[in-house]
Structure formats: C-alpha cells, structure tokens
PDB file of N, CA and C in Angstrom:
ATOM      1  N   MET A   1       0.839  -1.175   0.000  1.00  0.00           N
ATOM      2  CA  MET A   1       0.000   0.000   0.000  1.00  0.00           C
ATOM      3  C   MET A   1       0.887   1.242   0.000  1.00  0.00           C
ATOM      4  N   THR A   2       0.580   2.179  -0.848  1.00  0.00           N
ATOM      5  CA  THR A   2       1.331   3.409  -0.958  1.00  0.00           C
ATOM      6  C   THR A   2       0.996   4.334   0.205  1.00  0.00           C
ATOM      7  N   ALA A   3       2.030   4.926   0.817  1.00  0.00           N
ATOM      8  CA  ALA A   3       1.838   5.859   1.932  1.00  0.00           C
ATOM      9  C   ALA A   3       2.537   7.170   1.591  1.00  0.00           C
ATOM     10  N   TYR A   4       1.768   8.243   1.504  1.00  0.00           N
ATOM     11  CA  TYR A   4       2.319   9.559   1.192  1.00  0.00           C
ATOM     12  C   TYR A   4       2.528  10.338   2.488  1.00  0.00           C
ATOM     13  N   SER A   5       3.609  11.127   2.526  1.00  0.00           N
ATOM     14  CA  SER A   5       3.922  11.893   3.738  1.00  0.00           C
ATOM     15  C   SER A   5       4.711  13.145   3.359  1.00  0.00           C
ATOM     16  N   ASN A   6       5.006  13.954   4.376  1.00  0.00           N
ATOM     17  CA  ASN A   6       5.849  15.139   4.234  1.00  0.00           C
ATOM     18  C   ASN A   6       5.291  16.142   3.222  1.00  0.00           C
ATOM     19  N   PRO A   7       4.026  16.584   3.371  1.00  0.00           N
ATOM     20  CA  PRO A   7       3.466  17.555   2.428  1.00  0.00           C
ATOM     21  C   PRO A   7       4.151  18.915   2.574  1.00  0.00           C
ATOM     22  N   ARG A   8       4.451  19.537   1.448  1.00  0.00           N
ATOM     23  CA  ARG A   8       5.126  20.833   1.480  1.00  0.00           C
ATOM     24  C   ARG A   8       4.844  21.610   0.204  1.00  0.00           C
ATOM     25  N   MET A   9       5.203  22.888   0.239  1.00  0.00           N
ATOM     26  CA  MET A   9       4.973  23.795  -0.889  1.00  0.00           C
ATOM     27  C   MET A   9       6.230  23.965  -1.750  1.00  0.00           C
ATOM     28  N   ARG A  10       7.383  23.553  -1.228  1.00  0.00           N
ATOM     29  CA  ARG A  10       8.639  23.687  -1.982  1.00  0.00           C
ATOM     30  C   ARG A  10       9.563  22.543  -1.602  1.00  0.00           C
ATOM     31  N   ALA A  11      10.271  22.030  -2.589  1.00  0.00           N
ATOM     32  CA  ALA A  11      11.250  20.970  -2.345  1.00  0.00           C
ATOM     33  C   ALA A  11      12.386  21.094  -3.360  1.00  0.00           C
ATOM     34  N   VAL A  12      13.597  20.914  -2.879  1.00  0.00           N
ATOM     35  CA  VAL A  12      14.770  20.887  -3.746  1.00  0.00           C
ATOM     36  C   VAL A  12      15.328  19.475  -3.666  1.00  0.00           C
ATOM     37  N   ILE A  13      15.387  18.806  -4.817  1.00  0.00           N
ATOM     38  CA  ILE A  13      15.818  17.413  -4.881  1.00  0.00           C
ATOM     39  C   ILE A  13      17.140  17.342  -5.651  1.00  0.00           C
ATOM     40  N   PRO A  14      18.253  17.098  -4.968  1.00  0.00           N
ATOM     41  CA  PRO A  14      19.529  16.934  -5.677  1.00  0.00           C
ATOM     42  C   PRO A  14      19.579  15.555  -6.355  1.00  0.00           C
ATOM     43  N   ASN A  15      20.426  15.445  -7.335  1.00  0.00           N
ATOM     44  CA  ASN A  15      20.659  14.162  -8.001  1.00  0.00           C
ATOM     45  C   ASN A  15      19.408  13.608  -8.695  1.00  0.00           C
ATOM     46  N   TRP A  16      18.594  14.492  -9.257  1.00  0.00           N
ATOM     47  CA  TRP A  16      17.366  14.124  -9.975  1.00  0.00           C
ATOM     48  C   TRP A  16      17.742  13.637 -11.369  1.00  0.00           C
ATOM     49  N   SER A  17      17.171  12.523 -11.786  1.00  0.00           N
ATOM     50  CA  SER A  17      17.459  11.979 -13.112  1.00  0.00           C
ATOM     51  C   SER A  17      16.723  12.797 -14.176  1.00  0.00           C
ATOM     52  N   ASP A  18      17.483  13.349 -15.111  1.00  0.00           N
ATOM     53  CA  ASP A  18      16.919  14.156 -16.199  1.00  0.00           C
ATOM     54  C   ASP A  18      17.540  13.672 -17.506  1.00  0.00           C
ATOM     55  N   GLY A  19      16.859  12.716 -18.123  1.00  0.00           N
ATOM     56  CA  GLY A  19      17.435  12.106 -19.314  1.00  0.00           C
ATOM     57  C   GLY A  19      18.608  11.243 -18.903  1.00  0.00           C
ATOM     58  N   GLY A  20      19.756  11.469 -19.473  1.00  0.00           N
ATOM     59  CA  GLY A  20      20.943  10.693 -19.141  1.00  0.00           C
ATOM     60  C   GLY A  20      21.854  11.358 -18.134  1.00  0.00           C
ATOM     61  N   LYS A  21      21.384  12.450 -17.514  1.00  0.00           N
ATOM     62  CA  LYS A  21      22.250  13.156 -16.574  1.00  0.00           C
ATOM     63  C   LYS A  21      21.541  13.366 -15.237  1.00  0.00           C
ATOM     64  N   ARG A  22      22.292  13.777 -14.246  1.00  0.00           N
ATOM     65  CA  ARG A  22      21.770  14.064 -12.909  1.00  0.00           C
ATOM     66  C   ARG A  22      21.815  15.574 -12.683  1.00  0.00           C
ATOM     67  N   VAL A  23      20.688  16.121 -12.226  1.00  0.00           N
ATOM     68  CA  VAL A  23      20.573  17.561 -12.006  1.00  0.00           C
ATOM     69  C   VAL A  23      19.863  17.811 -10.669  1.00  0.00           C
ATOM     70  N   THR A  24      19.764  19.073 -10.299  1.00  0.00           N
ATOM     71  CA  THR A  24      18.967  19.456  -9.139  1.00  0.00           C
ATOM     72  C   THR A  24      17.597  19.888  -9.641  1.00  0.00           C
ATOM     73  N   ALA A  25      16.544  19.314  -9.065  1.00  0.00           N
ATOM     74  CA  ALA A  25      15.174  19.673  -9.429  1.00  0.00           C
ATOM     75  C   ALA A  25      14.562  20.484  -8.291  1.00  0.00           C
ATOM     76  N   THR A  26      13.936  21.585  -8.647  1.00  0.00           N
ATOM     77  CA  THR A  26      13.239  22.418  -7.670  1.00  0.00           C
ATOM     78  C   THR A  26      11.755  22.352  -7.968  1.00  0.00           C
ATOM     79  N   PHE A  27      10.985  21.902  -6.984  1.00  0.00           N
ATOM     80  CA  PHE A  27       9.527  21.839  -7.084  1.00  0.00           C
ATOM     81  C   PHE A  27       8.943  22.961  -6.244  1.00  0.00           C
ATOM     82  N   GLU A  28       7.971  23.678  -6.786  1.00  0.00           N
ATOM     83  CA  GLU A  28       7.292  24.726  -6.044  1.00  0.00           C
ATOM     84  C   GLU A  28       5.808  24.699  -6.379  1.00  0.00           C
ATOM     85  N   ILE A  29       4.988  25.059  -5.400  1.00  0.00           N
ATOM     86  CA  ILE A  29       3.563  25.210  -5.622  1.00  0.00           C
ATOM     87  C   ILE A  29       3.294  26.702  -5.702  1.00  0.00           C
ATOM     88  N   GLU A  30       2.772  27.142  -6.844  1.00  0.00           N
ATOM     89  CA  GLU A  30       2.447  28.561  -6.991  1.00  0.00           C
ATOM     90  C   GLU A  30       0.942  28.738  -6.846  1.00  0.00           C
ATOM     91  N   THR A  31       0.556  29.847  -6.251  1.00  0.00           N
ATOM     92  CA  THR A  31      -0.851  30.158  -6.014  1.00  0.00           C
ATOM     93  C   THR A  31      -1.226  31.390  -6.819  1.00  0.00           C
ATOM     94  N   VAL A  32      -2.318  31.291  -7.569  1.00  0.00           N
ATOM     95  CA  VAL A  32      -2.825  32.416  -8.350  1.00  0.00           C
ATOM     96  C   VAL A  32      -4.271  32.646  -7.933  1.00  0.00           C
ATOM     97  N   LYS A  33      -4.539  33.823  -7.419  1.00  0.00           N
ATOM     98  CA  LYS A  33      -5.885  34.152  -6.950  1.00  0.00           C
ATOM     99  C   LYS A  33      -6.902  33.955  -8.073  1.00  0.00           C
ATOM    100  N   GLY A  34      -7.977  33.269  -7.752  1.00  0.00           N
ATOM    101  CA  GLY A  34      -9.027  33.015  -8.726  1.00  0.00           C
ATOM    102  C   GLY A  34      -8.806  31.781  -9.597  1.00  0.00           C
ATOM    103  N   ARG A  35      -7.603  31.208  -9.569  1.00  0.00           N
ATOM    104  CA  ARG A  35      -7.316  30.023 -10.377  1.00  0.00           C
ATOM    105  C   ARG A  35      -6.984  28.815  -9.524  1.00  0.00           C
ATOM    106  N   GLY A  36      -6.319  29.027  -8.408  1.00  0.00           N
ATOM    107  CA  GLY A  36      -5.931  27.924  -7.537  1.00  0.00           C
ATOM    108  C   GLY A  36      -4.428  27.777  -7.457  1.00  0.00           C
ATOM    109  N   GLN A  37      -3.993  26.531  -7.339  1.00  0.00           N
ATOM    110  CA  GLN A  37      -2.562  26.245  -7.218  1.00  0.00           C
ATOM    111  C   GLN A  37      -2.122  25.292  -8.322  1.00  0.00           C
ATOM    112  N   ARG A  38      -0.846  25.384  -8.653  1.00  0.00           N
ATOM    113  CA  ARG A  38      -0.262  24.437  -9.596  1.00  0.00           C
ATOM    114  C   ARG A  38       1.188  24.198  -9.223  1.00  0.00           C
ATOM    115  N   ALA A  39       1.672  23.029  -9.591  1.00  0.00           N
ATOM    116  CA  ALA A  39       3.061  22.657  -9.325  1.00  0.00           C
ATOM    117  C   ALA A  39       3.930  23.087 -10.499  1.00  0.00           C
ATOM    118  N   VAL A  40       5.137  23.526 -10.155  1.00  0.00           N
ATOM    119  CA  VAL A  40       6.131  23.933 -11.142  1.00  0.00           C
ATOM    120  C   VAL A  40       7.432  23.216 -10.788  1.00  0.00           C
ATOM    121  N   ARG A  41       8.026  22.549 -11.783  1.00  0.00           N
ATOM    122  CA  ARG A  41       9.310  21.877 -11.575  1.00  0.00           C
ATOM    123  C   ARG A  41      10.335  22.503 -12.503  1.00  0.00           C
ATOM    124  N   THR A  42      11.475  22.893 -11.938  1.00  0.00           N
ATOM    125  CA  THR A  42      12.544  23.491 -12.722  1.00  0.00           C
ATOM    126  C   THR A  42      13.789  22.627 -12.580  1.00  0.00           C
ATOM    127  N   THR A  43      14.380  22.287 -13.731  1.00  0.00           N
ATOM    128  CA  THR A  43      15.660  21.573 -13.724  1.00  0.00           C
ATOM    129  C   THR A  43      16.640  22.438 -14.527  1.00  0.00           C
ATOM    130  N   THR A  44      16.987  22.039 -15.723  1.00  0.00           N
ATOM    131  CA  THR A  44      17.966  22.792 -16.507  1.00  0.00           C
ATOM    132  C   THR A  44      17.320  23.645 -17.598  1.00  0.00           C
ATOM    133  N   GLY A  45      16.139  23.308 -18.013  1.00  0.00           N
ATOM    134  CA  GLY A  45      15.480  24.034 -19.099  1.00  0.00           C
ATOM    135  C   GLY A  45      14.324  24.880 -18.594  1.00  0.00           C
ATOM    136  N   ALA A  46      13.350  25.047 -19.458  1.00  0.00           N
ATOM    137  CA  ALA A  46      12.157  25.808 -19.104  1.00  0.00           C
ATOM    138  C   ALA A  46      11.370  25.064 -18.022  1.00  0.00           C
ATOM    139  N   PRO A  47      10.737  25.786 -17.118  1.00  0.00           N
ATOM    140  CA  PRO A  47       9.957  25.132 -16.061  1.00  0.00           C
ATOM    141  C   PRO A  47       8.793  24.319 -16.637  1.00  0.00           C
ATOM    142  N   LYS A  48       8.495  23.198 -15.999  1.00  0.00           N
ATOM    143  CA  LYS A  48       7.336  22.375 -16.347  1.00  0.00           C
ATOM    144  C   LYS A  48       6.228  22.754 -15.384  1.00  0.00           C
ATOM    145  N   LYS A  49       5.019  23.009 -15.889  1.00  0.00           N
ATOM    146  CA  LYS A  49       3.905  23.457 -15.055  1.00  0.00           C
ATOM    147  C   LYS A  49       2.696  22.564 -15.279  1.00  0.00           C
ATOM    148  N   LEU A  50       2.039  22.222 -14.175  1.00  0.00           N
ATOM    149  CA  LEU A  50       0.803  21.470 -14.241  1.00  0.00           C
ATOM    150  C   LEU A  50      -0.371  22.441 -14.382  1.00  0.00           C
ATOM    151  N   THR A  51      -1.542  21.904 -14.718  1.00  0.00           N
ATOM    152  CA  THR A  51      -2.748  22.717 -14.727  1.00  0.00           C
ATOM    153  C   THR A  51      -3.180  22.969 -13.281  1.00  0.00           C
ATOM    154  N   TYR A  52      -4.078  23.900 -13.104  1.00  0.00           N
ATOM    155  CA  TYR A  52      -4.497  24.305 -11.766  1.00  0.00           C
ATOM    156  C   TYR A  52      -5.443  23.304 -11.115  1.00  0.00           C
ATOM    157  N   ALA A  53      -5.361  23.258  -9.797  1.00  0.00           N
ATOM    158  CA  ALA A  53      -6.296  22.518  -8.953  1.00  0.00           C
ATOM    159  C   ALA A  53      -6.605  23.428  -7.769  1.00  0.00           C
ATOM    160  N   ALA A  54      -7.580  23.056  -6.953  1.00  0.00           N
ATOM    161  CA  ALA A  54      -7.909  23.864  -5.784  1.00  0.00           C
ATOM    162  C   ALA A  54      -6.681  24.011  -4.885  1.00  0.00           C
ATOM    163  N   ARG A  55      -5.996  22.889  -4.611  1.00  0.00           N
ATOM    164  CA  ARG A  55      -4.779  22.888  -3.796  1.00  0.00           C
ATOM    165  C   ARG A  55      -3.847  21.801  -4.302  1.00  0.00           C
ATOM    166  N   MET A  56      -2.569  22.015  -4.107  1.00  0.00           N
ATOM    167  CA  MET A  56      -1.556  21.012  -4.451  1.00  0.00           C
ATOM    168  C   MET A  56      -0.498  20.973  -3.361  1.00  0.00           C
ATOM    169  N   ARG A  57       0.139  19.821  -3.222  1.00  0.00           N
ATOM    170  CA  ARG A  57       1.262  19.673  -2.309  1.00  0.00           C
ATOM    171  C   ARG A  57       2.281  18.715  -2.932  1.00  0.00           C
ATOM    172  N   ILE A  58       3.528  18.919  -2.575  1.00  0.00           N
ATOM    173  CA  ILE A  58       4.608  18.008  -2.944  1.00  0.00           C
ATOM    174  C   ILE A  58       4.717  17.022  -1.789  1.00  0.00           C
ATOM    175  N   VAL A  59       4.732  15.729  -2.082  1.00  0.00           N
ATOM    176  CA  VAL A  59       4.798  14.713  -1.030  1.00  0.00           C
ATOM    177  C   VAL A  59       5.843  13.664  -1.374  1.00  0.00           C
ATOM    178  N   ASP A  60       6.231  12.920  -0.357  1.00  0.00           N
ATOM    179  CA  ASP A  60       7.117  11.773  -0.535  1.00  0.00           C
ATOM    180  C   ASP A  60       6.279  10.516  -0.425  1.00  0.00           C
ATOM    181  N   ASP A  61       6.726   9.477  -1.074  1.00  0.00           N
ATOM    182  CA  ASP A  61       6.043   8.186  -1.018  1.00  0.00           C
ATOM    183  C   ASP A  61       6.907   7.220  -0.225  1.00  0.00           C
ATOM    184  N   SER A  62       6.302   6.157   0.226  1.00  0.00           N
ATOM    185  CA  SER A  62       7.046   5.130   0.955  1.00  0.00           C
ATOM    186  C   SER A  62       8.105   4.473   0.072  1.00  0.00           C
ATOM    187  N   ASP A  63       8.009   4.661  -1.262  1.00  0.00           N
ATOM    188  CA  ASP A  63       9.028   4.118  -2.169  1.00  0.00           C
ATOM    189  C   ASP A  63      10.217   5.063  -2.348  1.00  0.00           C
ATOM    190  N   GLY A  64      10.197   6.241  -1.648  1.00  0.00           N
ATOM    191  CA  GLY A  64      11.302   7.186  -1.720  1.00  0.00           C
ATOM    192  C   GLY A  64      11.223   8.165  -2.873  1.00  0.00           C
ATOM    193  N   ARG A  65      10.133   8.148  -3.618  1.00  0.00           N
ATOM    194  CA  ARG A  65       9.984   9.041  -4.764  1.00  0.00           C
ATOM    195  C   ARG A  65       9.158  10.271  -4.402  1.00  0.00           C
ATOM    196  N   THR A  66       9.240  11.283  -5.257  1.00  0.00           N
ATOM    197  CA  THR A  66       8.506  12.528  -5.073  1.00  0.00           C
ATOM    198  C   THR A  66       7.257  12.508  -5.943  1.00  0.00           C
ATOM    199  N   TYR A  67       6.126  12.926  -5.350  1.00  0.00           N
ATOM    200  CA  TYR A  67       4.852  12.979  -6.054  1.00  0.00           C
ATOM    201  C   TYR A  67       4.173  14.314  -5.805  1.00  0.00           C
ATOM    202  N   ILE A  68       3.201  14.644  -6.618  1.00  0.00           N
ATOM    203  CA  ILE A  68       2.370  15.829  -6.453  1.00  0.00           C
ATOM    204  C   ILE A  68       0.945  15.340  -6.192  1.00  0.00           C
ATOM    205  N   ILE A  69       0.334  15.818  -5.095  1.00  0.00           N
ATOM    206  CA  ILE A  69      -1.080  15.490  -4.881  1.00  0.00           C
ATOM    207  C   ILE A  69      -1.909  16.718  -5.228  1.00  0.00           C
ATOM    208  N   GLU A  70      -3.051  16.467  -5.884  1.00  0.00           N
ATOM    209  CA  GLU A  70      -3.910  17.519  -6.396  1.00  0.00           C
ATOM    210  C   GLU A  70      -5.295  17.385  -5.775  1.00  0.00           C
ATOM    211  N   ASP A  71      -5.765  18.440  -5.144  1.00  0.00           N
ATOM    212  CA  ASP A  71      -7.083  18.447  -4.523  1.00  0.00           C
ATOM    213  C   ASP A  71      -8.106  18.962  -5.528  1.00  0.00           C
ATOM    214  N   HIS A  72      -8.902  18.043  -6.054  1.00  0.00           N
ATOM    215  CA  HIS A  72      -9.987  18.383  -6.976  1.00  0.00           C
ATOM    216  C   HIS A  72     -11.331  18.153  -6.296  1.00  0.00           C
ATOM    217  N   CYS A  73     -11.339  18.264  -4.979  1.00  0.00           N
ATOM    218  CA  CYS A  73     -12.528  17.930  -4.185  1.00  0.00           C
ATOM    219  C   CYS A  73     -13.700  18.852  -4.457  1.00  0.00           C
ATOM    220  N   GLY A  74     -13.451  20.141  -4.584  1.00  0.00           N
ATOM    221  CA  GLY A  74     -14.548  21.078  -4.773  1.00  0.00           C
ATOM    222  C   GLY A  74     -15.327  20.827  -6.052  1.00  0.00           C
ATOM    223  N   ALA A  75     -14.638  20.748  -7.154  1.00  0.00           N
ATOM    224  CA  ALA A  75     -15.311  20.622  -8.447  1.00  0.00           C
ATOM    225  C   ALA A  75     -15.615  19.177  -8.834  1.00  0.00           C
ATOM    226  N   TYR A  76     -14.726  18.253  -8.519  1.00  0.00           N
ATOM    227  CA  TYR A  76     -14.862  16.903  -9.042  1.00  0.00           C
ATOM    228  C   TYR A  76     -14.929  15.805  -7.992  1.00  0.00           C
ATOM    229  N   GLY A  77     -14.563  16.092  -6.752  1.00  0.00           N
ATOM    230  CA  GLY A  77     -14.687  15.116  -5.680  1.00  0.00           C
ATOM    231  C   GLY A  77     -13.626  14.032  -5.665  1.00  0.00           C
ATOM    232  N   PHE A  78     -12.383  14.371  -6.027  1.00  0.00           N
ATOM    233  CA  PHE A  78     -11.313  13.378  -5.952  1.00  0.00           C
ATOM    234  C   PHE A  78      -9.983  14.047  -5.672  1.00  0.00           C
ATOM    235  N   ILE A  79      -9.025  13.232  -5.257  1.00  0.00           N
ATOM    236  CA  ILE A  79      -7.642  13.663  -5.084  1.00  0.00           C
ATOM    237  C   ILE A  79      -6.806  12.895  -6.098  1.00  0.00           C
ATOM    238  N   GLY A  80      -6.032  13.620  -6.884  1.00  0.00           N
ATOM    239  CA  GLY A  80      -5.164  13.000  -7.869  1.00  0.00           C
ATOM    240  C   GLY A  80      -3.734  12.953  -7.366  1.00  0.00           C
ATOM    241  N   VAL A  81      -3.026  11.919  -7.747  1.00  0.00           N
ATOM    242  CA  VAL A  81      -1.610  11.784  -7.410  1.00  0.00           C
ATOM    243  C   VAL A  81      -0.842  11.685  -8.719  1.00  0.00           C
ATOM    244  N   ARG A  82       0.104  12.592  -8.897  1.00  0.00           N
ATOM    245  CA  ARG A  82       0.880  12.644 -10.138  1.00  0.00           C
ATOM    246  C   ARG A  82       2.342  12.355  -9.826  1.00  0.00           C
ATOM    247  N   GLN A  83       3.005  11.626 -10.705  1.00  0.00           N
ATOM    248  CA  GLN A  83       4.419  11.325 -10.547  1.00  0.00           C
ATOM    249  C   GLN A  83       5.245  12.606 -10.612  1.00  0.00           C
ATOM    250  N   GLY A  84       6.414  12.573  -9.999  1.00  0.00           N
ATOM    251  CA  GLY A  84       7.304  13.731  -9.980  1.00  0.00           C
ATOM    252  C   GLY A  84       7.781  14.169 -11.353  1.00  0.00           C
ATOM    253  N   ASN A  85       7.696  13.270 -12.344  1.00  0.00           N
ATOM    254  CA  ASN A  85       8.066  13.663 -13.707  1.00  0.00           C
ATOM    255  C   ASN A  85       7.024  14.596 -14.321  1.00  0.00           C
ATOM    256  N   MET A  86       5.880  14.745 -13.645  1.00  0.00           N
ATOM    257  CA  MET A  86       4.782  15.630 -14.032  1.00  0.00           C
ATOM    258  C   MET A  86       4.163  15.243 -15.364  1.00  0.00           C
ATOM    259  N   LYS A  87       4.348  13.997 -15.763  1.00  0.00           N
ATOM    260  CA  LYS A  87       3.759  13.502 -17.004  1.00  0.00           C
ATOM    261  C   LYS A  87       2.613  12.544 -16.752  1.00  0.00           C
ATOM    262  N   TYR A  88       2.758  11.691 -15.749  1.00  0.00           N
ATOM    263  CA  TYR A  88       1.822  10.593 -15.581  1.00  0.00           C
ATOM    264  C   TYR A  88       1.075  10.656 -14.259  1.00  0.00           C
ATOM    265  N   SER A  89      -0.192  10.296 -14.322  1.00  0.00           N
ATOM    266  CA  SER A  89      -1.001  10.189 -13.114  1.00  0.00           C
ATOM    267  C   SER A  89      -0.708   8.845 -12.457  1.00  0.00           C
ATOM    268  N   GLU A  90      -0.491   8.861 -11.161  1.00  0.00           N
ATOM    269  CA  GLU A  90      -0.196   7.636 -10.417  1.00  0.00           C
ATOM    270  C   GLU A  90      -1.476   6.947  -9.962  1.00  0.00           C
ATOM    271  N   GLU A  91      -2.411   7.744  -9.406  1.00  0.00           N
ATOM    272  CA  GLU A  91      -3.684   7.189  -8.964  1.00  0.00           C
ATOM    273  C   GLU A  91      -4.683   8.313  -8.721  1.00  0.00           C
ATOM    274  N   ILE A  92      -5.960   7.929  -8.666  1.00  0.00           N
ATOM    275  CA  ILE A  92      -7.067   8.822  -8.357  1.00  0.00           C
ATOM    276  C   ILE A  92      -7.779   8.243  -7.140  1.00  0.00           C
ATOM    277  N   ILE A  93      -8.019   9.081  -6.125  1.00  0.00           N
ATOM    278  CA  ILE A  93      -8.695   8.624  -4.917  1.00  0.00           C
ATOM    279  C   ILE A  93     -10.000   9.402  -4.801  1.00  0.00           C
ATOM    280  N   HIS A  94     -11.123   8.706  -4.940  1.00  0.00           N
ATOM    281  CA  HIS A  94     -12.442   9.333  -4.859  1.00  0.00           C
ATOM    282  C   HIS A  94     -12.899   9.432  -3.409  1.00  0.00           C
ATOM    283  N   SER A  95     -13.898  10.258  -3.163  1.00  0.00           N
ATOM    284  CA  SER A  95     -14.354  10.535  -1.798  1.00  0.00           C
ATOM    285  C   SER A  95     -14.898   9.306  -1.082  1.00  0.00           C
ATOM    286  N   ASP A  96     -15.271   8.260  -1.799  1.00  0.00           N
ATOM    287  CA  ASP A  96     -15.765   7.038  -1.140  1.00  0.00           C
ATOM    288  C   ASP A  96     -14.646   6.015  -0.870  1.00  0.00           C
ATOM    289  N   ASP A  97     -13.416   6.351  -1.216  1.00  0.00           N
ATOM    290  CA  ASP A  97     -12.267   5.481  -0.960  1.00  0.00           C
ATOM    291  C   ASP A  97     -11.866   5.601   0.516  1.00  0.00           C
ATOM    292  N   PRO A  98     -11.536   4.502   1.188  1.00  0.00           N
ATOM    293  CA  PRO A  98     -11.133   4.567   2.596  1.00  0.00           C
ATOM    294  C   PRO A  98      -9.894   5.442   2.851  1.00  0.00           C
ATOM    295  N   ARG A  99      -9.040   5.631   1.860  1.00  0.00           N
ATOM    296  CA  ARG A  99      -7.822   6.439   2.014  1.00  0.00           C
ATOM    297  C   ARG A  99      -8.067   7.932   1.810  1.00  0.00           C
ATOM    298  N   TYR A 100      -9.252   8.301   1.382  1.00  0.00           N
ATOM    299  CA  TYR A 100      -9.545   9.692   1.037  1.00  0.00           C
ATOM    300  C   TYR A 100      -9.285  10.647   2.198  1.00  0.00           C
ATOM    301  N   ALA A 101      -9.792  10.351   3.385  1.00  0.00           N
ATOM    302  CA  ALA A 101      -9.631  11.247   4.540  1.00  0.00           C
ATOM    303  C   ALA A 101      -8.157  11.424   4.904  1.00  0.00           C
ATOM    304  N   GLU A 102      -7.400  10.338   4.845  1.00  0.00           N
ATOM    305  CA  GLU A 102      -5.963  10.385   5.149  1.00  0.00           C
ATOM    306  C   GLU A 102      -5.225  11.312   4.174  1.00  0.00           C
ATOM    307  N   LEU A 103      -5.539  11.198   2.872  1.00  0.00           N
ATOM    308  CA  LEU A 103      -4.881  12.037   1.873  1.00  0.00           C
ATOM    309  C   LEU A 103      -5.371  13.475   1.952  1.00  0.00           C
ATOM    310  N   HIS A 104      -6.641  13.656   2.225  1.00  0.00           N
ATOM    311  CA  HIS A 104      -7.202  15.003   2.323  1.00  0.00           C
ATOM    312  C   HIS A 104      -6.529  15.768   3.462  1.00  0.00           C
ATOM    313  N   ALA A 105      -6.168  15.076   4.536  1.00  0.00           N
ATOM    314  CA  ALA A 105      -5.507  15.706   5.690  1.00  0.00           C
ATOM    315  C   ALA A 105      -4.120  16.236   5.330  1.00  0.00           C
ATOM    316  N   LEU A 106      -3.497  15.756   4.267  1.00  0.00           N
ATOM    317  CA  LEU A 106      -2.171  16.236   3.864  1.00  0.00           C
ATOM    318  C   LEU A 106      -2.208  17.684   3.386  1.00  0.00           C
ATOM    319  N   PHE A 107      -3.389  18.202   3.062  1.00  0.00           N
ATOM    320  CA  PHE A 107      -3.511  19.584   2.611  1.00  0.00           C
ATOM    321  C   PHE A 107      -3.628  20.572   3.766  1.00  0.00           C
ATOM    322  N   ASP A 108      -3.879  20.072   4.980  1.00  0.00           N
ATOM    323  CA  ASP A 108      -4.060  20.962   6.149  1.00  0.00           C
ATOM    324  C   ASP A 108      -2.743  21.386   6.747  1.00  0.00           C
TER     325      ASP A 108
END
C-alpha cells in the first residue's frame, strides 16, 4: 500500500534523473488568486507546469519518490496523485475510498 507523507509547498531534490544526466530539481507550488494552485518543476530548461487545482502539495512516497497530490474535491470530488516527472497520473482517490480522509488531511 502506498503511503504519502511530508506535504510541502517547496522541495529541492539533488541528483534528480533528467534524461541521461543528474541535475537538481526544484519543485514549487504557486498560487494564483481566482485560479488555484499548480506545481512547477525546474531543472535545466524551461519550467514544467501542471494545470491548476484547488490545492496542491509536494509529497514523498514510501518508495522514496517525489509525487504531487492535487485536490480536486470542490469541483470533481477526488484527489489526484501525479508522478514527480509531471507527465503521468499515479492514482485517483475518490471521496468514497477509505484512504480519502488520510490524503485530504495532507492539505491541512
């Protein structure tokens, strides 16, 4: 079972794999009034940005990897978990899932 912890708004990850090289990755959650929050990851090139959600946090997983959790509770009633590469969704947790309350608490 996946366990997410250490929710935060900013994280600097040294030795991040970027293609065939190792770089420092900086993750930040930016807030825009009227739009919500989105995650931004900067390595060596242009920043990668996710679309907006009500709230986002950078978290660690029990597997030692970095993930982004997205609170879509207001509009859609689920929490999304996205891989640190910001390309792929890891899982979707709906409000009737037993893990929902535990993940929702990571935003507080």
